[in-house]
Amino acid sequence: MVKLGDRLREERKKQGFSIDEVARATKIRMEFLEAIEKGEYKKLPSSAYAQGFVKNYVDYLGLPEKELIPLFRREFNEKEFLGVLPQSFTKPKEVALEGVRIKRPFTIGLGIFIVLLLYIFFQYRAAFFSPSLTVISPKEATILSTQIIVVRGTTEPNATVTVNNIPTLVDSSGEYTKEITVFPGTVTITVKATNSFGKFSTIERHISVK
């Protein structure tokens, strides 16, 4: 059976062309043309280049493309060609999966580390921040006609609250209520919330009592 490379070499010599002349005319490197004539397709850069080089060579010599391109495809051994390529080209999925296997433990470990940091922060945030505190009533600059004043507000459930230095009960939702007795005139009410780490918040209300 006639080989493609033999057919091309015979036709080239018949037309009086040297390999160098064909290389200059087709812009195909001389070593690639020699590889095609010898049927050593694995020396070509890639399968796509191999077919393109053969097509250009066939066209240059004026040979029937419909006859010789199928002949090239029968001779071309794709498995042999892939066997000489680097493993990174022939097994991209395996490389990608390996990257995933390396990345997954790192991602899981990082996630656990972040969760642990957040847990520690929320458990011990009281050591760094003063407790939240609001005074719902009385409002600032309120004028009252009674000497019994109900002080209400909210804080953190684990905080202790004093109203004018008098301890006040804080329920599980953080709400507190305290009745105090004051004298007529301008009165200052001081509400103080302190957490277990000694951090505190203070709010003052200035009211007038008739």
Protein backbone atom coordinates (compact mmCIF):
# COMPACT_ATOMS: atom_id res chain seq x y z
CA MET A 1 0.00 0.00 0.00
CA VAL A 2 1.40 3.41 -0.98
CA LYS A 3 2.21 5.65 1.98
CA LEU A 4 1.23 9.30 1.97
CA GLY A 5 4.79 10.39 2.66
CA ASP A 6 6.13 8.31 -0.27
CA ARG A 7 3.52 9.81 -2.58
CA LEU A 8 4.42 13.36 -1.54
CA ARG A 9 8.18 12.77 -1.80
CA GLU A 10 7.88 11.16 -5.26
CA GLU A 11 5.70 14.00 -6.53
CA ARG A 12 8.05 16.63 -5.08
CA LYS A 13 11.05 15.06 -6.80
CA LYS A 14 9.06 14.59 -9.99
CA GLN A 15 8.32 18.33 -10.04
CA GLY A 16 11.96 19.08 -9.24
CA PHE A 17 11.46 20.71 -5.86
CA SER A 18 13.85 20.37 -2.96
CA ILE A 19 12.61 20.19 0.65
CA ASP A 20 14.07 23.65 1.23
CA GLU A 21 12.15 25.11 -1.71
CA VAL A 22 8.87 23.64 -0.50
CA ALA A 23 9.55 24.93 3.02
CA ARG A 24 10.09 28.48 1.77
CA ALA A 25 6.99 28.37 -0.44
CA THR A 26 4.60 26.84 2.11
CA LYS A 27 6.11 28.51 5.21
CA ILE A 28 6.35 25.03 6.79
CA ARG A 29 9.60 24.22 8.57
CA MET A 30 11.82 21.80 6.69
CA GLU A 31 12.00 19.29 9.55
CA PHE A 32 8.18 19.11 9.61
CA LEU A 33 8.06 18.41 5.87
CA GLU A 34 10.67 15.66 6.31
CA ALA A 35 8.60 14.17 9.16
CA ILE A 36 5.51 14.12 6.92
CA GLU A 37 7.39 12.39 4.10
CA LYS A 38 8.67 9.77 6.58
CA GLY A 39 5.25 9.33 8.20
CA GLU A 40 6.65 10.44 11.56
CA TYR A 41 3.66 12.54 12.55
CA LYS A 42 4.54 12.50 16.24
CA LYS A 43 7.35 14.95 15.45
CA LEU A 44 4.75 17.56 14.48
CA PRO A 45 3.56 20.14 17.04
CA SER A 46 -0.05 18.85 17.29
CA SER A 47 -2.69 16.84 15.47
CA ALA A 48 -4.32 20.02 14.14
CA TYR A 49 -0.99 21.29 12.82
CA ALA A 50 -0.25 17.89 11.32
CA GLN A 51 -3.40 17.90 9.20
CA GLY A 52 -2.89 21.56 8.25
CA PHE A 53 0.70 20.95 7.13
CA VAL A 54 -0.32 17.92 5.08
CA LYS A 55 -3.15 19.83 3.41
CA ASN A 56 -0.84 22.73 2.50
CA TYR A 57 1.80 20.33 1.18
CA VAL A 58 -0.75 18.43 -0.92
CA ASP A 59 -2.20 21.67 -2.33
CA TYR A 60 1.25 23.01 -3.16
CA LEU A 61 2.07 19.91 -5.20
CA GLY A 62 -1.33 20.02 -6.88
CA LEU A 63 -2.32 16.52 -5.73
CA PRO A 64 -5.95 15.47 -5.11
CA GLU A 65 -6.86 16.53 -1.60
CA LYS A 66 -9.95 14.27 -1.43
CA GLU A 67 -7.74 11.23 -1.98
CA LEU A 68 -4.72 12.06 0.17
CA ILE A 69 -6.29 13.66 3.27
CA PRO A 70 -8.29 10.48 4.09
CA LEU A 71 -5.06 8.52 3.54
CA PHE A 72 -3.32 10.78 6.07
CA ARG A 73 -6.13 10.24 8.58
CA ARG A 74 -5.79 6.47 8.31
CA GLU A 75 -2.05 6.65 8.87
CA PHE A 76 -2.17 9.15 11.66
CA ASN A 77 -2.10 7.38 15.00
CA GLU A 78 -3.78 9.65 17.51
CA LYS A 79 -2.89 7.46 20.49
CA GLU A 80 0.77 7.42 19.51
CA PHE A 81 0.73 11.19 19.12
CA LEU A 82 -0.89 11.78 22.53
CA GLY A 83 1.59 9.41 24.12
CA VAL A 84 4.48 11.78 23.43
CA LEU A 85 2.71 14.83 24.86
CA PRO A 86 3.34 15.93 28.46
CA GLN A 87 0.99 14.37 31.01
CA SER A 88 -0.42 17.79 31.84
CA PHE A 89 -1.82 18.02 28.29
CA THR A 90 -3.28 14.54 28.11
CA LYS A 91 -4.87 14.38 31.59
CA PRO A 92 -6.23 17.84 32.38
CA LYS A 93 -9.15 16.55 34.40
CA GLU A 94 -6.94 14.50 36.67
CA VAL A 95 -4.74 17.53 37.36
CA ALA A 96 -7.81 19.64 38.09
CA LEU A 97 -9.18 17.02 40.48
CA GLU A 98 -5.84 16.84 42.25
CA GLY A 99 -6.06 20.59 42.77
CA VAL A 100 -9.53 20.16 44.23
CA ARG A 101 -8.30 17.44 46.58
CA ILE A 102 -5.56 19.77 47.82
CA LYS A 103 -7.82 22.78 48.09
CA ARG A 104 -10.76 21.14 49.87
CA PRO A 105 -9.00 20.30 53.18
CA PHE A 106 -7.52 23.80 53.26
CA THR A 107 -10.95 25.37 52.71
CA ILE A 108 -12.57 23.21 55.39
CA GLY A 109 -9.77 23.99 57.84
CA LEU A 110 -10.04 27.72 57.14
CA GLY A 111 -13.81 27.60 57.64
CA ILE A 112 -13.44 25.83 61.00
CA PHE A 113 -10.80 28.36 62.07
CA ILE A 114 -13.08 31.30 61.21
CA VAL A 115 -16.05 29.75 63.04
CA LEU A 116 -13.85 29.18 66.10
CA LEU A 117 -12.67 32.79 66.05
CA LEU A 118 -16.25 34.06 65.79
CA TYR A 119 -17.31 31.80 68.67
CA ILE A 120 -14.50 33.08 70.89
CA PHE A 121 -15.27 36.67 69.92
CA PHE A 122 -18.97 36.42 70.80
CA GLN A 123 -18.24 34.51 74.01
CA TYR A 124 -15.74 37.09 75.24
CA ARG A 125 -16.92 40.26 73.53
CA ALA A 126 -18.04 41.53 76.94
CA ALA A 127 -14.37 41.75 77.91
CA PHE A 128 -13.78 44.36 75.20
CA PHE A 129 -17.08 46.26 74.89
CA SER A 130 -19.36 48.05 77.31
CA PRO A 131 -22.85 46.55 77.64
CA SER A 132 -25.69 48.05 75.64
CA LEU A 133 -28.03 50.27 77.65
CA THR A 134 -31.23 52.21 76.94
CA VAL A 135 -33.56 54.23 79.14
CA ILE A 136 -37.10 54.12 77.77
CA SER A 137 -38.61 56.26 80.53
CA PRO A 138 -38.46 58.87 81.77
CA LYS A 139 -37.48 60.97 78.76
CA GLU A 140 -34.90 63.71 79.02
CA ALA A 141 -36.25 67.04 80.38
CA THR A 142 -39.58 65.50 81.36
CA ILE A 143 -41.73 67.53 83.80
CA LEU A 144 -43.56 65.36 86.34
CA SER A 145 -46.04 66.12 89.07
CA THR A 146 -45.30 63.00 91.10
CA GLN A 147 -42.38 62.09 93.31
CA ILE A 148 -42.57 58.40 92.39
CA ILE A 149 -40.78 57.81 89.10
CA VAL A 150 -40.73 54.55 87.17
CA VAL A 151 -37.42 54.02 85.37
CA ARG A 152 -37.59 51.47 82.52
CA GLY A 153 -35.14 50.38 79.88
CA THR A 154 -33.11 47.53 78.39
CA THR A 155 -29.60 46.16 78.64
CA GLU A 156 -27.84 42.82 78.18
CA PRO A 157 -29.38 39.92 80.16
CA ASN A 158 -26.15 39.15 82.04
CA ALA A 159 -25.53 42.76 83.08
CA THR A 160 -26.28 44.27 86.50
CA VAL A 161 -28.14 47.58 86.61
CA THR A 162 -28.31 50.29 89.23
CA VAL A 163 -30.61 53.32 89.24
CA ASN A 164 -29.10 56.09 91.38
CA ASN A 165 -26.86 53.37 92.89
CA ILE A 166 -29.86 51.18 93.79
CA PRO A 167 -29.62 47.63 92.35
CA THR A 168 -32.32 46.79 89.82
CA LEU A 169 -33.55 43.41 88.63
CA VAL A 170 -32.84 42.55 84.97
CA ASP A 171 -35.04 39.83 83.43
CA SER A 172 -33.97 37.17 80.90
CA SER A 173 -34.79 39.47 77.97
CA GLY A 174 -32.61 42.28 79.33
CA GLU A 175 -35.49 44.53 80.47
CA TYR A 176 -35.42 46.32 83.81
CA THR A 177 -37.93 48.41 85.79
CA LYS A 178 -37.29 50.39 88.97
CA GLU A 179 -39.46 52.73 91.02
CA ILE A 180 -37.64 55.49 92.83
CA THR A 181 -38.82 58.31 95.06
CA VAL A 182 -37.41 61.80 94.49
CA PHE A 183 -37.85 65.28 95.93
CA PRO A 184 -39.43 68.20 94.05
CA GLY A 185 -37.12 70.23 91.90
CA THR A 186 -34.54 69.33 89.30
CA VAL A 187 -33.64 65.66 89.55
CA THR A 188 -30.80 63.69 87.95
CA ILE A 189 -31.41 59.98 87.41
CA THR A 190 -28.31 57.91 86.73
CA VAL A 191 -28.69 54.44 85.22
CA LYS A 192 -25.59 52.26 85.10
CA ALA A 193 -25.18 48.79 83.51
CA THR A 194 -22.09 46.70 84.32
CA ASN A 195 -21.06 43.37 82.78
CA SER A 196 -19.11 40.51 84.37
CA PHE A 197 -15.80 41.94 83.10
CA GLY A 198 -16.35 45.31 84.76
CA LYS A 199 -17.20 47.16 81.56
CA PHE A 200 -20.05 49.59 82.09
CA SER A 201 -22.38 52.02 80.35
CA THR A 202 -24.07 55.02 81.97
CA ILE A 203 -27.08 57.15 80.95
CA GLU A 204 -28.38 60.19 82.80
CA ARG A 205 -31.85 61.70 82.68
CA HIS A 206 -32.51 65.24 83.94
CA ILE A 207 -36.14 65.86 84.88
CA SER A 208 -38.22 68.38 86.81
CA VAL A 209 -40.56 67.33 89.62
CA LYS A 210 -43.28 69.69 90.84
